[in-house]
């Protein structure tokens, strides 16, 4: 993954943390209250379509990205662009490897 110098790449404005919402056991009724709230508040949601139930993303007002066909760099690029734009983002995933890119590039999560 390419490292980004956030201090140079980020303009002025409000920045929100990037939130990771765990996919859990796959039952849409078992998402946490906090996870559901974060998804409802998000302006951008990235999820793994092959693993996350559609019921959890249906009806969200957010810009939705299915990461199933994307590599890690592409997922991180969407996350970084959203963060730079000051959008509230949630990454809804069954794994935590994406958080590595955020910490490598000093994005708050």
Protein backbone atom coordinates (compact mmCIF):
# COMPACT_ATOMS: atom_id res chain seq x y z
CA UNK A 1 0.00 0.00 0.00
CA UNK A 2 1.26 3.45 -0.83
CA UNK A 3 1.86 5.61 2.21
CA UNK A 4 0.24 9.04 2.10
CA UNK A 5 1.56 12.11 3.87
CA UNK A 6 -1.73 13.19 5.42
CA UNK A 7 -0.31 16.54 6.51
CA UNK A 8 0.34 17.43 2.86
CA UNK A 9 -2.73 15.76 1.35
CA UNK A 10 -5.40 17.09 3.71
CA UNK A 11 -6.90 20.52 3.21
CA UNK A 12 -8.61 22.62 5.85
CA UNK A 13 -12.01 21.70 7.20
CA UNK A 14 -13.77 19.38 9.59
CA UNK A 15 -12.43 15.85 9.73
CA UNK A 16 -14.36 12.90 11.05
CA UNK A 17 -12.99 9.62 12.31
CA UNK A 18 -13.35 6.64 10.02
CA UNK A 19 -15.43 4.06 11.86
CA UNK A 20 -15.10 0.31 11.42
CA UNK A 21 -18.31 -1.62 12.02
CA UNK A 22 -17.80 -5.35 12.43
CA UNK A 23 -19.91 -7.67 10.33
CA UNK A 24 -20.37 -10.08 13.23
CA UNK A 25 -21.93 -13.48 12.60
CA UNK A 26 -23.82 -12.33 9.51
CA UNK A 27 -27.33 -12.08 10.98
CA UNK A 28 -28.68 -8.57 10.25
CA UNK A 29 -30.56 -8.56 13.56
CA UNK A 30 -27.35 -8.99 15.57
CA UNK A 31 -25.63 -5.72 14.63
CA UNK A 32 -24.88 -3.58 17.67
CA UNK A 33 -26.89 -0.44 18.38
CA UNK A 34 -23.72 1.61 17.95
CA UNK A 35 -22.88 -0.10 14.65
CA UNK A 36 -26.37 0.57 13.30
CA UNK A 37 -26.15 4.22 14.41
CA UNK A 38 -22.77 4.68 12.71
CA UNK A 39 -24.10 3.23 9.46
CA UNK A 40 -27.20 5.45 9.61
CA UNK A 41 -25.07 8.58 10.22
CA UNK A 42 -22.42 7.77 7.63
CA UNK A 43 -22.14 9.71 4.40
CA UNK A 44 -19.95 7.00 2.85
CA UNK A 45 -20.18 3.26 3.56
CA UNK A 46 -17.77 0.67 2.23
CA UNK A 47 -18.85 -2.93 2.69
CA UNK A 48 -17.92 -6.37 1.44
CA UNK A 49 -20.94 -7.33 -0.65
CA UNK A 50 -20.09 -11.01 -0.77
CA UNK A 51 -20.12 -11.23 3.04
CA UNK A 52 -22.40 -8.52 4.43
CA UNK A 53 -26.19 -8.99 4.34
CA UNK A 54 -27.87 -6.53 1.96
CA UNK A 55 -30.49 -5.82 4.64
CA UNK A 56 -27.89 -3.87 6.61
CA UNK A 57 -27.10 -1.40 3.85
CA UNK A 58 -30.55 -1.14 2.27
CA UNK A 59 -32.10 2.25 2.91
CA UNK A 60 -28.90 4.00 4.00
CA UNK A 61 -28.58 7.60 2.82
CA UNK A 62 -24.84 7.13 2.36
CA UNK A 63 -22.81 6.80 -0.81
CA UNK A 64 -22.38 3.00 -0.90
CA UNK A 65 -19.30 1.15 -2.18
CA UNK A 66 -19.13 -2.64 -2.52
CA UNK A 67 -15.51 -3.59 -1.89
CA UNK A 68 -15.92 -7.21 -3.02
CA UNK A 69 -14.22 -6.50 -6.36
CA UNK A 70 -11.70 -3.96 -5.06
CA UNK A 71 -8.18 -4.46 -3.80
CA UNK A 72 -6.97 -2.97 -0.51
CA UNK A 73 -5.40 0.08 -2.20
CA UNK A 74 -8.70 0.88 -3.94
CA UNK A 75 -10.65 0.57 -0.67
CA UNK A 76 -8.15 2.82 1.07
CA UNK A 77 -8.34 5.37 -1.78
CA UNK A 78 -12.13 5.65 -1.33
CA UNK A 79 -11.67 5.97 2.43
CA UNK A 80 -8.97 8.64 2.11
CA UNK A 81 -10.91 10.67 -0.47
CA UNK A 82 -14.02 10.61 1.72
CA UNK A 83 -12.03 11.58 4.81
CA UNK A 84 -10.30 14.42 2.96
CA UNK A 85 -13.71 15.70 1.87
CA UNK A 86 -14.81 15.78 5.51
CA UNK A 87 -17.43 13.07 5.08
CA UNK A 88 -18.50 10.74 7.88
CA UNK A 89 -17.38 7.29 6.79
CA UNK A 90 -18.02 3.79 8.00
CA UNK A 91 -16.29 0.71 6.70
CA UNK A 92 -18.53 -2.28 7.29
CA UNK A 93 -16.28 -5.30 7.12
CA UNK A 94 -15.81 -8.82 8.41
CA UNK A 95 -12.06 -8.31 8.67
CA UNK A 96 -9.76 -5.59 10.03
CA UNK A 97 -6.96 -5.45 7.47
CA UNK A 98 -8.25 -2.10 6.16
CA UNK A 99 -7.45 -0.48 9.49
CA UNK A 100 -3.78 -1.13 8.77
CA UNK A 101 -3.86 1.37 5.92
CA UNK A 102 -5.44 4.00 8.12
CA UNK A 103 -2.90 3.64 10.89
CA UNK A 104 -0.01 3.58 8.40
CA UNK A 105 -1.25 6.88 7.03
CA UNK A 106 -2.23 8.42 10.37
CA UNK A 107 -5.96 8.71 9.66
CA UNK A 108 -8.08 8.69 12.81
CA UNK A 109 -10.22 5.61 13.27
